[in-house]
Amino acid sequence: MAETVIELDLSSPWEPPEVPAPPRRRLRTRLVAVCVVLVAALGSLGAAGPGTRLTPLYRIGDQVRSGTVFGDLLFVDRFQQSVSDPRIEAHRRSDGARLWDFPTTPQQQPASVSAGALILMRYSDTDNGFSTTLTVVDSATGRQLWSRQNASLIGTRDNLVIVEQQPEQRRIVVFTPEEQQQPDPRVNHAWDGPPRHVLVLDERTGATVWEHQAPPRAALDYTWEGRYPTGRVTGVNQLDPSGLVTHRDIRTGAVLSTMRLAWSGVPAMFTTGASWQFAPDAVPHRALVYPDGERGAIVFDLADGRALFRTDASRYDGLYPCAADLFCATDDRGLVTFDSTTGAPRWRLGPYREVIGGAGGRLLVSTLEQATGDAPPLAVVDARTGKIVMDLAGWRLIREVSPQRLLLWRPLDQRTAVLGQLDPRTGRITVFGRSADWYGPPSCSADGDTLACVMVGELTVWRLPPRPDTDG
């Protein structure tokens, strides 16, 4: 049975101070209504304490497209307006003061940020084919440092920018007879283009620090600290058709280690965990190989290279380690899990289709946002048994924020929402904000103790509570 621990502090300032008269009666009525809604829907709520500020730190309006928080800066991307071209602005994170702006084009968007640079990508599709342009801007001054064409951004590390050089694009029109059978999406298909070419560039000048061209039919996978776009690339792994895995330091290109898997062939896809950052308790030292022309994947132990098990889950089913000894995937009925060493089925849970994060042996599970606008199901699950320990019906996930935080929002009416931070170990939700202009799923960015969300062209900045793992 789901846990039902309610922790409500009625002294919390749910209403902003500028409540119209008569203040006492209206505030009391609204507080009671809010509490009734929350008590009916929440599994466990820790409201902000007395005197805690639930109103935003500040707002930035005027056609905002996106915002990115990094360190002491907030980068604001604005749409084109009738009196000005689109532009990127840098604001001081603490108070929103504007520091500089940089003119852009409608096709140009912020892609990544580091301590010293903001990286913009421009995507163009013309009669000559598809092309990209990478532009690096000094994050302190807004001055353009350099640009490079036909480069695909991977990420950054220290004072380096990691890209892959794209082959020259030419538009080729291929006519496929209607009666020709389409490829089976559950069969793995390897990249049939030229070998991948890695370039590690100096952040300030764009000069090549080192480069590496993978041999034909080899697969590459990058290792990370944190999550794109503000995370850091730490290394690159290469799987050769012989089964040899080579791990290189991203700063120098030096080979740090090698390992031979008990396998040979052409890899359609190979990963050692670049996309597994959401689950800090996930099992380490695993590699997935999707063999070309076959179905499913093989899971290997990176400690000794032996094959542990094989699964029919396709690369589109998202097989990944999601807990200390568990792999998760998605099929047509929902989440399905496997033992990370033997591959034996553990438990199945529908209608949930994705694991958002987890800690302390518990997972936060949900589905993708619905086209209807209805709130997708959200729950905390015991990773060992698959049983729901807390139903978070009514709460919705704030996506694409820091992997160290699980942030939620809950609509109170068509325009009003409360914001909270979930500790999956306890199910406790710490409410940290309330918005009177919240119209649906937002676009947000978080770093440190700051959350910035864009809603209908306006950016709102909130102060976050301490992370659960540091909240003694």
Foldseek 3Di string as FASTA:
>chain_A
DAAAAEADDLLDCQDPPPDDPPPPVVSVVVSVLVVVVCSVFFRYAHEDDHPFDFAFLDKDFDAWDAWADDDQWIKTWGPQDPVGATWIWIAGQNRRHTDDIEHDHPQKDFFADEPFWTKIKGWDQDQFGIKIKIWIAGNRHRHTQDMDIQWAWDAAADQKTKTKHHPRGGDDDDDDDPPDDDDDQQAFAADPDAFIKMFIAGNRHRHTQDIDTDDPLKEKEWAWDWAPPHTHTAWMWIQAQQQKIWIAGSVHRDTPDIAGAPHGARFRHKYQDRPPLLEPQFAHQWMWTRHHRGGFIWIARNVHRYTQDTDRAGVVQPWDGRHNQKTWGFDPFAIWIAGNRRRHTQDGDPPWHDWRHDDDQKTWTWHDQDPVQAATWIFIARNRHRDTNITNPQKHFQPDETSLWTKIWGDPDQAKIWIWTADSNVRYTYTNHIGRGAHGHWHWYDDDQKIWTDDPRMITITGHDDRPVPPD
